[in-house]
């Protein structure tokens, strides 16, 4: 089924029914809350987006599920929503469970193997993130050749990883690592919520869009004929308008009927 443009009036009416205080609002980071840039270390969130996301977090549960480490995500967000889950779903806050040090040790091993094979490849950067490793090649002058070298290196590292592609990045995870889909379901369980809205832009986000038996309304950033998301936005610049719609809708609901005692900001 092809995704529909969310800001069509009839589609927006369906979406609005999901926008309530008892919905979990979940977001990818790069390419969703923040635009993609050439230097992944230079990613920032526009102040209006950050401010509106904070307002949403005062009204409902907000979760960020990202391929970045939790520390990197927190630095970019500059505030902490209800939950940040890093490393493609594997890295939870310390109070929610211990980190998987076996997976981290495995990723350290991969990092060393990759450095030995790709260290002299122009424009290729290897990022160790704890429970995962990312190989960036956006800065390469010949991205096709760089990807071929990356593919050759991945084929011979041991043990064989689970590979997830991205926008000029290849992500490597242990084969038994938690996915973004697993993480979203666990977050819904944690907060006792039965439905969710999730926005994402990348291949890893399809693990959420493809969930079965879970009430998740998926929104893909950018038109993509192959996404399993129900809706799409034209590009990341439309996110602020959607966030304002979410905030305005929930504030209107609160004005009509005060929230129940389950709201996180009531005593």
C-alpha atoms as a PDB file:
ATOM      1  CA  UNK A   1       0.000   0.000   0.000  1.00  0.00           C
ATOM      2  CA  UNK A   2       1.390   3.399  -1.014  1.00  0.00           C
ATOM      3  CA  UNK A   3       1.776   5.993   1.721  1.00  0.00           C
ATOM      4  CA  UNK A   4      -0.584   8.991   1.582  1.00  0.00           C
ATOM      5  CA  UNK A   5       0.428  12.614   2.022  1.00  0.00           C
ATOM      6  CA  UNK A   6      -0.464  13.469   5.601  1.00  0.00           C
ATOM      7  CA  UNK A   7      -1.489  17.086   5.026  1.00  0.00           C
ATOM      8  CA  UNK A   8      -4.328  16.167   2.678  1.00  0.00           C
ATOM      9  CA  UNK A   9      -7.485  17.161   4.598  1.00  0.00           C
ATOM     10  CA  UNK A  10      -8.977  13.651   4.722  1.00  0.00           C
ATOM     11  CA  UNK A  11      -5.698  12.085   5.847  1.00  0.00           C
ATOM     12  CA  UNK A  12      -5.112  14.761   8.465  1.00  0.00           C
ATOM     13  CA  UNK A  13      -8.570  14.060   9.887  1.00  0.00           C
ATOM     14  CA  UNK A  14      -7.634  10.388  10.419  1.00  0.00           C
ATOM     15  CA  UNK A  15      -4.306  11.351  11.965  1.00  0.00           C
ATOM     16  CA  UNK A  16      -5.922  13.828  14.353  1.00  0.00           C
ATOM     17  CA  UNK A  17      -7.898  11.022  15.983  1.00  0.00           C
ATOM     18  CA  UNK A  18      -4.562   9.636  17.199  1.00  0.00           C
ATOM     19  CA  UNK A  19      -3.499  12.936  18.716  1.00  0.00           C
ATOM     20  CA  UNK A  20      -4.587  12.542  22.339  1.00  0.00           C
ATOM     21  CA  UNK A  21      -2.832  12.665  25.734  1.00  0.00           C
ATOM     22  CA  UNK A  22      -2.851   8.853  25.927  1.00  0.00           C
ATOM     23  CA  UNK A  23      -0.924   8.326  22.685  1.00  0.00           C
ATOM     24  CA  UNK A  24       2.833   7.698  22.703  1.00  0.00           C
ATOM     25  CA  UNK A  25       4.604  10.097  20.324  1.00  0.00           C
ATOM     26  CA  UNK A  26       7.877   8.608  19.117  1.00  0.00           C
ATOM     27  CA  UNK A  27      10.504  10.084  16.821  1.00  0.00           C
ATOM     28  CA  UNK A  28      13.681   9.154  15.021  1.00  0.00           C
ATOM     29  CA  UNK A  29      16.374  11.847  15.349  1.00  0.00           C
ATOM     30  CA  UNK A  30      18.578  12.343  12.264  1.00  0.00           C
ATOM     31  CA  UNK A  31      16.470  13.195   9.238  1.00  0.00           C
ATOM     32  CA  UNK A  32      13.342  13.532  11.362  1.00  0.00           C
ATOM     33  CA  UNK A  33      13.771  15.889  14.310  1.00  0.00           C
ATOM     34  CA  UNK A  34      16.991  17.213  12.787  1.00  0.00           C
ATOM     35  CA  UNK A  35      17.946  17.637   9.119  1.00  0.00           C
ATOM     36  CA  UNK A  36      20.634  15.438   7.594  1.00  0.00           C
ATOM     37  CA  UNK A  37      23.988  17.231   7.244  1.00  0.00           C
ATOM     38  CA  UNK A  38      27.319  16.230   5.727  1.00  0.00           C
ATOM     39  CA  UNK A  39      29.079  16.050   9.105  1.00  0.00           C
ATOM     40  CA  UNK A  40      27.117  13.774  11.450  1.00  0.00           C
ATOM     41  CA  UNK A  41      28.863  15.445  14.400  1.00  0.00           C
ATOM     42  CA  UNK A  42      27.367  18.814  13.416  1.00  0.00           C
ATOM     43  CA  UNK A  43      23.689  17.850  13.592  1.00  0.00           C
ATOM     44  CA  UNK A  44      21.439  20.345  15.368  1.00  0.00           C
ATOM     45  CA  UNK A  45      17.719  20.709  16.001  1.00  0.00           C
ATOM     46  CA  UNK A  46      16.106  24.004  15.029  1.00  0.00           C
ATOM     47  CA  UNK A  47      15.052  25.962  18.103  1.00  0.00           C
ATOM     48  CA  UNK A  48      11.366  26.164  17.085  1.00  0.00           C
ATOM     49  CA  UNK A  49      11.279  22.377  16.662  1.00  0.00           C
ATOM     50  CA  UNK A  50      12.924  21.846  20.048  1.00  0.00           C
ATOM     51  CA  UNK A  51      10.570  24.283  21.772  1.00  0.00           C
ATOM     52  CA  UNK A  52       7.466  22.696  20.253  1.00  0.00           C
ATOM     53  CA  UNK A  53       8.700  19.205  21.087  1.00  0.00           C
ATOM     54  CA  UNK A  54       9.128  20.329  24.698  1.00  0.00           C
ATOM     55  CA  UNK A  55       5.540  21.594  24.691  1.00  0.00           C
ATOM     56  CA  UNK A  56       4.359  18.246  23.362  1.00  0.00           C
ATOM     57  CA  UNK A  57       6.301  16.490  26.133  1.00  0.00           C
ATOM     58  CA  UNK A  58       4.302  18.491  28.676  1.00  0.00           C
ATOM     59  CA  UNK A  59       1.080  17.114  27.224  1.00  0.00           C
ATOM     60  CA  UNK A  60       1.851  13.476  26.385  1.00  0.00           C
ATOM     61  CA  UNK A  61       4.587  10.853  26.498  1.00  0.00           C
ATOM     62  CA  UNK A  62       7.422  11.585  24.068  1.00  0.00           C
ATOM     63  CA  UNK A  63      10.099   9.056  23.110  1.00  0.00           C
ATOM     64  CA  UNK A  64      13.126   9.390  20.816  1.00  0.00           C
ATOM     65  CA  UNK A  65      14.429   6.148  19.261  1.00  0.00           C
ATOM     66  CA  UNK A  66      17.681   6.780  17.417  1.00  0.00           C
ATOM     67  CA  UNK A  67      20.669   5.066  15.916  1.00  0.00           C
ATOM     68  CA  UNK A  68      22.904   7.417  17.879  1.00  0.00           C
ATOM     69  CA  UNK A  69      24.107   6.724  21.386  1.00  0.00           C
ATOM     70  CA  UNK A  70      21.869   8.105  24.134  1.00  0.00           C
ATOM     71  CA  UNK A  71      24.544  10.630  25.166  1.00  0.00           C
ATOM     72  CA  UNK A  72      24.866  11.986  21.631  1.00  0.00           C
ATOM     73  CA  UNK A  73      21.093  12.205  21.277  1.00  0.00           C
ATOM     74  CA  UNK A  74      20.754  14.074  24.563  1.00  0.00           C
ATOM     75  CA  UNK A  75      23.400  16.603  23.506  1.00  0.00           C
ATOM     76  CA  UNK A  76      21.554  17.254  20.253  1.00  0.00           C
ATOM     77  CA  UNK A  77      18.095  17.435  21.842  1.00  0.00           C
ATOM     78  CA  UNK A  78      19.310  19.690  24.694  1.00  0.00           C
ATOM     79  CA  UNK A  79      16.493  18.363  26.870  1.00  0.00           C
ATOM     80  CA  UNK A  80      15.364  14.935  28.027  1.00  0.00           C
ATOM     81  CA  UNK A  81      11.934  13.719  26.933  1.00  0.00           C
ATOM     82  CA  UNK A  82      10.211  10.859  28.732  1.00  0.00           C
ATOM     83  CA  UNK A  83      12.577   8.332  27.158  1.00  0.00           C
ATOM     84  CA  UNK A  84      15.594   8.260  24.833  1.00  0.00           C
ATOM     85  CA  UNK A  85      16.502   4.865  23.372  1.00  0.00           C
ATOM     86  CA  UNK A  86      19.822   4.767  21.509  1.00  0.00           C
ATOM     87  CA  UNK A  87      21.725   2.387  19.242  1.00  0.00           C
ATOM     88  CA  UNK A  88      18.745   1.477  17.064  1.00  0.00           C
ATOM     89  CA  UNK A  89      16.709   0.302  20.060  1.00  0.00           C
ATOM     90  CA  UNK A  90      19.406  -1.473  22.080  1.00  0.00           C
ATOM     91  CA  UNK A  91      20.541   1.258  24.500  1.00  0.00           C
ATOM     92  CA  UNK A  92      18.082   2.089  27.275  1.00  0.00           C
ATOM     93  CA  UNK A  93      18.613   4.355  30.279  1.00  0.00           C
ATOM     94  CA  UNK A  94      20.551   2.726  33.100  1.00  0.00           C
ATOM     95  CA  UNK A  95      17.499   2.603  35.361  1.00  0.00           C
ATOM     96  CA  UNK A  96      15.596   0.622  32.715  1.00  0.00           C
ATOM     97  CA  UNK A  97      18.127  -2.171  32.498  1.00  0.00           C
ATOM     98  CA  UNK A  98      21.836  -2.825  32.278  1.00  0.00           C
ATOM     99  CA  UNK A  99      23.660  -2.346  29.005  1.00  0.00           C
ATOM    100  CA  UNK A 100      24.629  -5.479  27.106  1.00  0.00           C
ATOM    101  CA  UNK A 101      28.382  -5.540  27.619  1.00  0.00           C
ATOM    102  CA  UNK A 102      28.775  -8.633  25.427  1.00  0.00           C
ATOM    103  CA  UNK A 103      27.293  -6.706  22.522  1.00  0.00           C
ATOM    104  CA  UNK A 104      29.503  -3.723  23.297  1.00  0.00           C
ATOM    105  CA  UNK A 105      32.626  -5.932  23.365  1.00  0.00           C
ATOM    106  CA  UNK A 106      31.584  -7.405  20.024  1.00  0.00           C
ATOM    107  CA  UNK A 107      31.251  -3.937  18.511  1.00  0.00           C
ATOM    108  CA  UNK A 108      34.708  -3.004  19.836  1.00  0.00           C
ATOM    109  CA  UNK A 109      36.080  -6.036  18.004  1.00  0.00           C
ATOM    110  CA  UNK A 110      34.316  -5.018  14.778  1.00  0.00           C
ATOM    111  CA  UNK A 111      35.614  -1.480  15.084  1.00  0.00           C
ATOM    112  CA  UNK A 112      39.211  -2.705  15.201  1.00  0.00           C
ATOM    113  CA  UNK A 113      38.700  -5.059  12.262  1.00  0.00           C
ATOM    114  CA  UNK A 114      37.095  -2.302  10.217  1.00  0.00           C
ATOM    115  CA  UNK A 115      39.845   0.190  11.015  1.00  0.00           C
ATOM    116  CA  UNK A 116      42.422  -2.290   9.744  1.00  0.00           C
ATOM    117  CA  UNK A 117      40.538  -2.687   6.453  1.00  0.00           C
ATOM    118  CA  UNK A 118      39.047   0.770   5.891  1.00  0.00           C
ATOM    119  CA  UNK A 119      41.328   3.131   7.770  1.00  0.00           C
ATOM    120  CA  UNK A 120      42.913   4.486   4.572  1.00  0.00           C
ATOM    121  CA  UNK A 121      39.694   4.804   2.574  1.00  0.00           C
ATOM    122  CA  UNK A 122      39.042   8.441   1.633  1.00  0.00           C
ATOM    123  CA  UNK A 123      35.888   9.913   3.112  1.00  0.00           C
ATOM    124  CA  UNK A 124      35.002   6.850   5.219  1.00  0.00           C
ATOM    125  CA  UNK A 125      34.496   7.269   8.973  1.00  0.00           C
ATOM    126  CA  UNK A 126      33.931   4.470  11.477  1.00  0.00           C
ATOM    127  CA  UNK A 127      31.781   5.444  14.441  1.00  0.00           C
ATOM    128  CA  UNK A 128      31.720   3.213  17.520  1.00  0.00           C
ATOM    129  CA  UNK A 129      28.488   3.814  19.442  1.00  0.00           C
ATOM    130  CA  UNK A 130      28.526   1.085  22.064  1.00  0.00           C
ATOM    131  CA  UNK A 131      25.940  -1.476  21.018  1.00  0.00           C
ATOM    132  CA  UNK A 132      26.440  -0.726  17.321  1.00  0.00           C
ATOM    133  CA  UNK A 133      28.968   0.519  14.784  1.00  0.00           C
ATOM    134  CA  UNK A 134      28.217   2.901  11.909  1.00  0.00           C
ATOM    135  CA  UNK A 135      30.354   3.331   8.801  1.00  0.00           C
ATOM    136  CA  UNK A 136      29.788   6.743   7.207  1.00  0.00           C
ATOM    137  CA  UNK A 137      30.771   7.480   3.611  1.00  0.00           C
ATOM    138  CA  UNK A 138      28.839  10.683   2.847  1.00  0.00           C
ATOM    139  CA  UNK A 139      32.118  12.654   2.662  1.00  0.00           C
ATOM    140  CA  UNK A 140      33.666  10.374   0.039  1.00  0.00           C
ATOM    141  CA  UNK A 141      34.235  11.842  -3.449  1.00  0.00           C
ATOM    142  CA  UNK A 142      33.455   8.415  -4.919  1.00  0.00           C
ATOM    143  CA  UNK A 143      30.648   7.009  -2.796  1.00  0.00           C
ATOM    144  CA  UNK A 144      30.064   4.017  -5.028  1.00  0.00           C
ATOM    145  CA  UNK A 145      33.663   2.835  -4.694  1.00  0.00           C
ATOM    146  CA  UNK A 146      33.638   3.580  -0.972  1.00  0.00           C
ATOM    147  CA  UNK A 147      30.523   1.451  -0.483  1.00  0.00           C
ATOM    148  CA  UNK A 148      32.123  -1.406  -2.425  1.00  0.00           C
ATOM    149  CA  UNK A 149      35.115  -1.324  -0.080  1.00  0.00           C
ATOM    150  CA  UNK A 150      32.835  -1.186   2.927  1.00  0.00           C
ATOM    151  CA  UNK A 151      30.861  -4.168   1.662  1.00  0.00           C
ATOM    152  CA  UNK A 152      34.056  -6.162   1.134  1.00  0.00           C
ATOM    153  CA  UNK A 153      35.236  -5.339   4.658  1.00  0.00           C
ATOM    154  CA  UNK A 154      31.935  -6.347   6.233  1.00  0.00           C
ATOM    155  CA  UNK A 155      31.977  -9.710   4.467  1.00  0.00           C
ATOM    156  CA  UNK A 156      35.109 -10.849   6.276  1.00  0.00           C
ATOM    157  CA  UNK A 157      34.698  -9.430   9.780  1.00  0.00           C
ATOM    158  CA  UNK A 158      33.901 -11.943  12.502  1.00  0.00           C
ATOM    159  CA  UNK A 159      31.388 -12.755  13.797  1.00  0.00           C
ATOM    160  CA  UNK A 160      29.039 -11.749  11.018  1.00  0.00           C
ATOM    161  CA  UNK A 161      26.899  -8.709  11.970  1.00  0.00           C
ATOM    162  CA  UNK A 162      23.327  -7.725  11.199  1.00  0.00           C
ATOM    163  CA  UNK A 163      23.549  -4.963   8.637  1.00  0.00           C
ATOM    164  CA  UNK A 164      21.104  -2.073   8.220  1.00  0.00           C
ATOM    165  CA  UNK A 165      21.605   0.428   5.428  1.00  0.00           C
ATOM    166  CA  UNK A 166      20.983   4.147   5.648  1.00  0.00           C
ATOM    167  CA  UNK A 167      21.650   7.438   3.865  1.00  0.00           C
ATOM    168  CA  UNK A 168      25.354   7.076   3.058  1.00  0.00           C
ATOM    169  CA  UNK A 169      25.871   5.054   6.207  1.00  0.00           C
ATOM    170  CA  UNK A 170      25.995   1.334   6.970  1.00  0.00           C
ATOM    171  CA  UNK A 171      24.978   0.266  10.472  1.00  0.00           C
ATOM    172  CA  UNK A 172      26.288  -2.945  12.023  1.00  0.00           C
ATOM    173  CA  UNK A 173      24.521  -4.569  14.968  1.00  0.00           C
ATOM    174  CA  UNK A 174      24.787  -7.912  16.754  1.00  0.00           C
ATOM    175  CA  UNK A 175      22.339 -10.351  15.196  1.00  0.00           C
ATOM    176  CA  UNK A 176      20.336 -10.629  18.425  1.00  0.00           C
ATOM    177  CA  UNK A 177      20.208  -6.847  19.018  1.00  0.00           C
ATOM    178  CA  UNK A 178      16.908  -5.183  19.854  1.00  0.00           C
ATOM    179  CA  UNK A 179      15.300  -3.404  16.900  1.00  0.00           C
ATOM    180  CA  UNK A 180      13.535  -0.055  16.816  1.00  0.00           C
ATOM    181  CA  UNK A 181      10.276  -1.953  16.500  1.00  0.00           C
ATOM    182  CA  UNK A 182      11.032  -3.959  19.640  1.00  0.00           C
ATOM    183  CA  UNK A 183      11.964  -0.744  21.433  1.00  0.00           C
ATOM    184  CA  UNK A 184       8.736   1.033  20.504  1.00  0.00           C
ATOM    185  CA  UNK A 185       6.600  -1.850  21.742  1.00  0.00           C
ATOM    186  CA  UNK A 186       8.607  -1.966  24.989  1.00  0.00           C
ATOM    187  CA  UNK A 187       8.178   1.794  25.442  1.00  0.00           C
ATOM    188  CA  UNK A 188       4.404   1.490  24.976  1.00  0.00           C
ATOM    189  CA  UNK A 189       4.363  -1.272  27.589  1.00  0.00           C
ATOM    190  CA  UNK A 190       6.501   0.804  29.949  1.00  0.00           C
ATOM    191  CA  UNK A 191       4.034   3.691  29.885  1.00  0.00           C
ATOM    192  CA  UNK A 192       0.898   1.537  29.702  1.00  0.00           C
ATOM    193  CA  UNK A 193      -0.179   2.984  26.339  1.00  0.00           C
ATOM    194  CA  UNK A 194      -1.875   1.029  23.564  1.00  0.00           C
ATOM    195  CA  UNK A 195      -1.317   3.269  20.566  1.00  0.00           C
ATOM    196  CA  UNK A 196       1.516   5.304  19.137  1.00  0.00           C
ATOM    197  CA  UNK A 197       2.489   7.762  16.438  1.00  0.00           C
ATOM    198  CA  UNK A 198       5.994   7.246  15.049  1.00  0.00           C
ATOM    199  CA  UNK A 199       7.933   9.473  12.657  1.00  0.00           C
ATOM    200  CA  UNK A 200      11.070   8.315  10.884  1.00  0.00           C
ATOM    201  CA  UNK A 201      12.946   8.625   7.628  1.00  0.00           C
ATOM    202  CA  UNK A 202      15.393   5.760   7.302  1.00  0.00           C
ATOM    203  CA  UNK A 203      15.651   2.034   6.655  1.00  0.00           C
ATOM    204  CA  UNK A 204      15.894   1.263  10.375  1.00  0.00           C
ATOM    205  CA  UNK A 205      12.559   2.995  10.943  1.00  0.00           C
ATOM    206  CA  UNK A 206      10.828   0.473   8.695  1.00  0.00           C
ATOM    207  CA  UNK A 207      11.137  -1.966  11.604  1.00  0.00           C
ATOM    208  CA  UNK A 208       8.526   0.198  13.329  1.00  0.00           C
ATOM    209  CA  UNK A 209       6.390   0.833  10.257  1.00  0.00           C
ATOM    210  CA  UNK A 210       6.155  -2.930   9.610  1.00  0.00           C
ATOM    211  CA  UNK A 211       4.956  -3.845  13.115  1.00  0.00           C
ATOM    212  CA  UNK A 212       1.964  -6.181  13.119  1.00  0.00           C
ATOM    213  CA  UNK A 213      -0.651  -6.366  15.852  1.00  0.00           C
ATOM    214  CA  UNK A 214       0.427  -3.013  17.328  1.00  0.00           C
ATOM    215  CA  UNK A 215      -1.564   0.204  16.906  1.00  0.00           C
ATOM    216  CA  UNK A 216       1.170   2.403  15.449  1.00  0.00           C
ATOM    217  CA  UNK A 217       0.473   5.164  12.973  1.00  0.00           C
ATOM    218  CA  UNK A 218       3.644   5.557  10.921  1.00  0.00           C
ATOM    219  CA  UNK A 219       4.744   8.746   9.161  1.00  0.00           C
ATOM    220  CA  UNK A 220       7.712   8.679   6.785  1.00  0.00           C
ATOM    221  CA  UNK A 221       9.746  11.847   6.312  1.00  0.00           C
ATOM    222  CA  UNK A 222       9.985  12.140   2.534  1.00  0.00           C
ATOM    223  CA  UNK A 223       7.946  10.404  -0.142  1.00  0.00           C
ATOM    224  CA  UNK A 224       9.094   6.808  -0.526  1.00  0.00           C
ATOM    225  CA  UNK A 225       7.217   4.245  -2.614  1.00  0.00           C
ATOM    226  CA  UNK A 226       8.755   1.384  -0.634  1.00  0.00           C
ATOM    227  CA  UNK A 227       7.957   2.510   2.900  1.00  0.00           C
ATOM    228  CA  UNK A 228       5.502   0.549   5.028  1.00  0.00           C
ATOM    229  CA  UNK A 229       4.396   3.786   6.730  1.00  0.00           C
ATOM    230  CA  UNK A 230       0.775   4.802   6.210  1.00  0.00           C
ATOM    231  CA  UNK A 231       1.578   8.483   5.697  1.00  0.00           C
ATOM    232  CA  UNK A 232       4.428  10.705   4.577  1.00  0.00           C
ATOM    233  CA  UNK A 233       5.592  14.319   4.784  1.00  0.00           C
ATOM    234  CA  UNK A 234       7.328  15.845   1.787  1.00  0.00           C
ATOM    235  CA  UNK A 235      10.487  16.602   3.748  1.00  0.00           C
ATOM    236  CA  UNK A 236      11.875  17.361   7.190  1.00  0.00           C
ATOM    237  CA  UNK A 237      10.921  21.032   6.931  1.00  0.00           C
ATOM    238  CA  UNK A 238       7.244  20.077   7.358  1.00  0.00           C
ATOM    239  CA  UNK A 239       7.853  18.578  10.793  1.00  0.00           C
ATOM    240  CA  UNK A 240       7.379  21.835  12.709  1.00  0.00           C
ATOM    241  CA  UNK A 241       3.919  22.323  11.266  1.00  0.00           C
ATOM    242  CA  UNK A 242       2.973  18.801  12.284  1.00  0.00           C
ATOM    243  CA  UNK A 243       4.312  19.277  15.811  1.00  0.00           C
ATOM    244  CA  UNK A 244       2.273  22.459  16.136  1.00  0.00           C
ATOM    245  CA  UNK A 245      -0.800  20.526  14.992  1.00  0.00           C
ATOM    246  CA  UNK A 246      -0.175  17.887  17.665  1.00  0.00           C
ATOM    247  CA  UNK A 247       0.278  20.469  20.415  1.00  0.00           C
ATOM    248  CA  UNK A 248      -2.736  22.525  19.368  1.00  0.00           C
ATOM    249  CA  UNK A 249      -4.992  19.482  19.135  1.00  0.00           C
ATOM    250  CA  UNK A 250      -4.087  18.154  22.582  1.00  0.00           C
ATOM    251  CA  UNK A 251      -4.343  21.593  24.161  1.00  0.00           C
ATOM    252  CA  UNK A 252      -7.843  21.904  22.685  1.00  0.00           C
ATOM    253  CA  UNK A 253      -8.794  18.534  24.169  1.00  0.00           C
ATOM    254  CA  UNK A 254      -7.492  19.602  27.564  1.00  0.00           C
ATOM    255  CA  UNK A 255      -9.502  22.822  27.393  1.00  0.00           C
ATOM    256  CA  UNK A 256     -12.701  20.882  26.724  1.00  0.00           C
ATOM    257  CA  UNK A 257     -12.115  18.095  29.249  1.00  0.00           C
ATOM    258  CA  UNK A 258      -9.370  18.185  31.904  1.00  0.00           C
ATOM    259  CA  UNK A 259      -6.968  15.209  31.710  1.00  0.00           C
ATOM    260  CA  UNK A 260      -7.404  12.180  33.942  1.00  0.00           C
ATOM    261  CA  UNK A 261      -5.219  11.624  36.980  1.00  0.00           C
ATOM    262  CA  UNK A 262      -2.989   9.360  34.875  1.00  0.00           C
ATOM    263  CA  UNK A 263      -1.514  12.436  33.226  1.00  0.00           C
ATOM    264  CA  UNK A 264       2.156  12.622  34.200  1.00  0.00           C
ATOM    265  CA  UNK A 265       1.953  16.242  35.334  1.00  0.00           C
ATOM    266  CA  UNK A 266      -0.965  15.904  37.744  1.00  0.00           C
ATOM    267  CA  UNK A 267      -0.518  15.165  41.403  1.00  0.00           C
END
